Every structure is written in C-alpha cells, then in structure tokens.
Amino acid sequence: MPKPFPEEKRQEWKRLVEQWEKNDRNISITRWCSEQKINYNTFLYWRERFGSNPVKQIDRSSFKELPNPITAPGITLEYNRIRIQLERDFDVTTLTKCLRVLKEVV
C-alpha cells in the first residue's frame, strides 16, 4: 500500500493546481509545468484530485441498448471428427440430407 503524502506536500500541490486554474489556465499544462519545473504527469495526478473540473458525465442518449437475445441451446452431433451444430429450430430435411451425404463419405 502506498504511503500517504505529507500534508504540506498535499497543500503545495493544491496551491499549484489552484494557481494554474486561476491565473495560468490560458497556458498549456505542458508549457506551464515546464516553466514551473514540475513533472507533467504528477501535475495531472494532483489536478485530478484537487481541480475544479467536474467529473465528466456520460450522456446515455449517445448509446444504443443492444438486445440480450436469450437463445435456447441446440445440440451438437459429433462423429469421426465431424461436428454438426444444430439450433433449436433446425430444419429436419436439411439435416437428413447432410446425414445421407456424410454416410456416403464415411
């Protein structure tokens, strides 16, 4: 488990994040971090924790709900490395024709 940050360190990062948000927001974070001589990724971490940016909400209207098809399993016939997968409502005539062909081959 990571060690907690000392309170003074937390306060320093909070001050830096607030400084960027209030005064320097028109400067890119990359440039600002470079000018302040602080690590970009570390700043992003603390900005996430202290920043005033609200958590982005997902707009559910942009998603389409997919139906969850409930399909009853069929059966599988196997013989001599030949496998036939049959759905629940398979066509008996087609199965009969397939079996005749397989019988001739085997």
C-alpha atoms as a PDB file:
ATOM      1  CA  MET A   1       0.000   0.000   0.000  1.00  0.00           C
ATOM      2  CA  PRO A   2       1.400   3.417  -0.969  1.00  0.00           C
ATOM      3  CA  LYS A   3       2.472   5.767   1.784  1.00  0.00           C
ATOM      4  CA  PRO A   4       0.190   8.781   2.255  1.00  0.00           C
ATOM      5  CA  PHE A   5       1.568  12.130   1.209  1.00  0.00           C
ATOM      6  CA  PRO A   6       2.574  14.510   3.987  1.00  0.00           C
ATOM      7  CA  GLU A   7       0.038  17.284   4.486  1.00  0.00           C
ATOM      8  CA  GLU A   8       2.485  20.030   3.492  1.00  0.00           C
ATOM      9  CA  LYS A   9       3.126  18.286   0.183  1.00  0.00           C
ATOM     10  CA  ARG A  10      -0.620  17.985  -0.439  1.00  0.00           C
ATOM     11  CA  GLN A  11      -1.094  21.668   0.341  1.00  0.00           C
ATOM     12  CA  GLU A  12       1.746  22.645  -2.008  1.00  0.00           C
ATOM     13  CA  TRP A  13       0.182  20.679  -4.868  1.00  0.00           C
ATOM     14  CA  LYS A  14      -3.215  22.136  -4.089  1.00  0.00           C
ATOM     15  CA  ARG A  15      -1.698  25.612  -4.284  1.00  0.00           C
ATOM     16  CA  LEU A  16      -0.054  24.801  -7.637  1.00  0.00           C
ATOM     17  CA  VAL A  17      -3.265  23.414  -9.113  1.00  0.00           C
ATOM     18  CA  GLU A  18      -5.233  26.447  -7.934  1.00  0.00           C
ATOM     19  CA  GLN A  19      -2.553  28.763  -9.319  1.00  0.00           C
ATOM     20  CA  TRP A  20      -2.796  27.180 -12.745  1.00  0.00           C
ATOM     21  CA  GLU A  21      -6.605  27.215 -12.698  1.00  0.00           C
ATOM     22  CA  LYS A  22      -6.926  30.858 -11.571  1.00  0.00           C
ATOM     23  CA  ASN A  23      -4.021  32.599 -13.274  1.00  0.00           C
ATOM     24  CA  ASP A  24      -2.388  30.468 -15.931  1.00  0.00           C
ATOM     25  CA  ARG A  25      -5.218  28.458 -17.486  1.00  0.00           C
ATOM     26  CA  ASN A  26      -4.607  30.065 -20.886  1.00  0.00           C
ATOM     27  CA  ILE A  27      -1.150  28.420 -20.948  1.00  0.00           C
ATOM     28  CA  SER A  28      -0.962  24.768 -21.912  1.00  0.00           C
ATOM     29  CA  ILE A  29      -0.332  22.449 -18.995  1.00  0.00           C
ATOM     30  CA  THR A  30       2.773  21.106 -20.717  1.00  0.00           C
ATOM     31  CA  ARG A  31       4.305  24.548 -21.060  1.00  0.00           C
ATOM     32  CA  TRP A  32       3.237  25.629 -17.586  1.00  0.00           C
ATOM     33  CA  CYS A  33       4.780  22.530 -15.992  1.00  0.00           C
ATOM     34  CA  SER A  34       7.980  23.116 -17.928  1.00  0.00           C
ATOM     35  CA  GLU A  35       8.126  26.737 -16.739  1.00  0.00           C
ATOM     36  CA  GLN A  36       7.422  25.695 -13.144  1.00  0.00           C
ATOM     37  CA  LYS A  37       9.927  22.840 -13.421  1.00  0.00           C
ATOM     38  CA  ILE A  38       7.416  20.261 -12.256  1.00  0.00           C
ATOM     39  CA  ASN A  39       6.575  16.862 -13.655  1.00  0.00           C
ATOM     40  CA  TYR A  40       3.674  16.962 -16.101  1.00  0.00           C
ATOM     41  CA  ASN A  41       2.194  13.587 -15.072  1.00  0.00           C
ATOM     42  CA  THR A  42       2.467  14.440 -11.396  1.00  0.00           C
ATOM     43  CA  PHE A  43       0.651  17.692 -12.014  1.00  0.00           C
ATOM     44  CA  LEU A  44      -2.135  15.847 -13.856  1.00  0.00           C
ATOM     45  CA  TYR A  45      -2.471  13.468 -10.918  1.00  0.00           C
ATOM     46  CA  TRP A  46      -2.884  16.305  -8.427  1.00  0.00           C
ATOM     47  CA  ARG A  47      -5.093  18.300 -10.781  1.00  0.00           C
ATOM     48  CA  GLU A  48      -7.419  15.314 -10.915  1.00  0.00           C
ATOM     49  CA  ARG A  49      -7.542  15.245  -7.121  1.00  0.00           C
ATOM     50  CA  PHE A  50      -7.841  18.984  -6.443  1.00  0.00           C
ATOM     51  CA  GLY A  51      -9.011  20.533  -9.686  1.00  0.00           C
ATOM     52  CA  SER A  52     -12.317  22.255 -10.125  1.00  0.00           C
ATOM     53  CA  ASN A  53     -13.094  20.332 -13.296  1.00  0.00           C
ATOM     54  CA  PRO A  54     -16.292  18.436 -12.660  1.00  0.00           C
ATOM     55  CA  VAL A  55     -16.292  14.732 -13.287  1.00  0.00           C
ATOM     56  CA  LYS A  56     -17.437  14.155 -16.831  1.00  0.00           C
ATOM     57  CA  GLN A  57     -20.830  12.555 -17.011  1.00  0.00           C
ATOM     58  CA  ILE A  58     -21.599  10.089 -19.750  1.00  0.00           C
ATOM     59  CA  ASP A  59     -24.518  11.070 -21.912  1.00  0.00           C
ATOM     60  CA  ARG A  60     -26.551   7.893 -22.019  1.00  0.00           C
ATOM     61  CA  SER A  61     -28.516   9.116 -25.042  1.00  0.00           C
ATOM     62  CA  SER A  62     -25.457   8.562 -27.233  1.00  0.00           C
ATOM     63  CA  PHE A  63     -25.540   4.835 -26.547  1.00  0.00           C
ATOM     64  CA  LYS A  64     -27.811   2.265 -28.079  1.00  0.00           C
ATOM     65  CA  GLU A  65     -29.024  -0.547 -25.920  1.00  0.00           C
ATOM     66  CA  LEU A  66     -28.423  -3.908 -27.522  1.00  0.00           C
ATOM     67  CA  PRO A  67     -30.979  -6.606 -27.018  1.00  0.00           C
ATOM     68  CA  ASN A  68     -29.876  -9.557 -24.978  1.00  0.00           C
ATOM     69  CA  PRO A  69     -31.043 -12.467 -27.061  1.00  0.00           C
ATOM     70  CA  ILE A  70     -31.999 -15.448 -24.999  1.00  0.00           C
ATOM     71  CA  THR A  71     -31.353 -18.356 -27.257  1.00  0.00           C
ATOM     72  CA  ALA A  72     -32.046 -21.857 -26.199  1.00  0.00           C
ATOM     73  CA  PRO A  73     -29.054 -24.042 -26.873  1.00  0.00           C
ATOM     74  CA  GLY A  74     -29.316 -26.555 -29.638  1.00  0.00           C
ATOM     75  CA  ILE A  75     -27.447 -29.822 -29.882  1.00  0.00           C
ATOM     76  CA  THR A  76     -24.138 -30.853 -31.355  1.00  0.00           C
ATOM     77  CA  LEU A  77     -23.634 -34.111 -33.221  1.00  0.00           C
ATOM     78  CA  GLU A  78     -20.095 -35.447 -33.480  1.00  0.00           C
ATOM     79  CA  TYR A  79     -18.760 -38.483 -35.287  1.00  0.00           C
ATOM     80  CA  ASN A  80     -15.254 -39.176 -36.649  1.00  0.00           C
ATOM     81  CA  ARG A  81     -14.088 -35.575 -36.251  1.00  0.00           C
ATOM     82  CA  ILE A  82     -17.212 -34.298 -37.961  1.00  0.00           C
ATOM     83  CA  ARG A  83     -19.278 -31.881 -35.942  1.00  0.00           C
ATOM     84  CA  ILE A  84     -22.757 -30.611 -36.773  1.00  0.00           C
ATOM     85  CA  GLN A  85     -24.178 -27.825 -34.640  1.00  0.00           C
ATOM     86  CA  LEU A  86     -27.968 -27.725 -34.637  1.00  0.00           C
ATOM     87  CA  GLU A  87     -30.001 -24.801 -33.409  1.00  0.00           C
ATOM     88  CA  ARG A  88     -33.183 -25.405 -31.506  1.00  0.00           C
ATOM     89  CA  ASP A  89     -35.421 -24.901 -34.563  1.00  0.00           C
ATOM     90  CA  PHE A  90     -33.270 -26.750 -37.108  1.00  0.00           C
ATOM     91  CA  ASP A  91     -34.629 -27.921 -40.469  1.00  0.00           C
ATOM     92  CA  VAL A  92     -35.105 -31.695 -40.346  1.00  0.00           C
ATOM     93  CA  THR A  93     -34.992 -32.057 -44.138  1.00  0.00           C
ATOM     94  CA  THR A  94     -31.626 -30.339 -44.366  1.00  0.00           C
ATOM     95  CA  LEU A  95     -30.235 -32.463 -41.513  1.00  0.00           C
ATOM     96  CA  THR A  96     -31.437 -35.629 -43.242  1.00  0.00           C
ATOM     97  CA  LYS A  97     -29.708 -34.624 -46.491  1.00  0.00           C
ATOM     98  CA  CYS A  98     -26.473 -33.819 -44.611  1.00  0.00           C
ATOM     99  CA  LEU A  99     -26.518 -37.186 -42.854  1.00  0.00           C
ATOM    100  CA  ARG A 100     -27.019 -39.042 -46.153  1.00  0.00           C
ATOM    101  CA  VAL A 101     -24.040 -37.265 -47.698  1.00  0.00           C
ATOM    102  CA  LEU A 102     -21.893 -37.968 -44.632  1.00  0.00           C
ATOM    103  CA  LYS A 103     -22.927 -41.626 -44.663  1.00  0.00           C
ATOM    104  CA  GLU A 104     -21.703 -41.962 -48.237  1.00  0.00           C
ATOM    105  CA  VAL A 105     -18.407 -40.288 -47.396  1.00  0.00           C
ATOM    106  CA  VAL A 106     -17.776 -42.347 -44.276  1.00  0.00           C
END
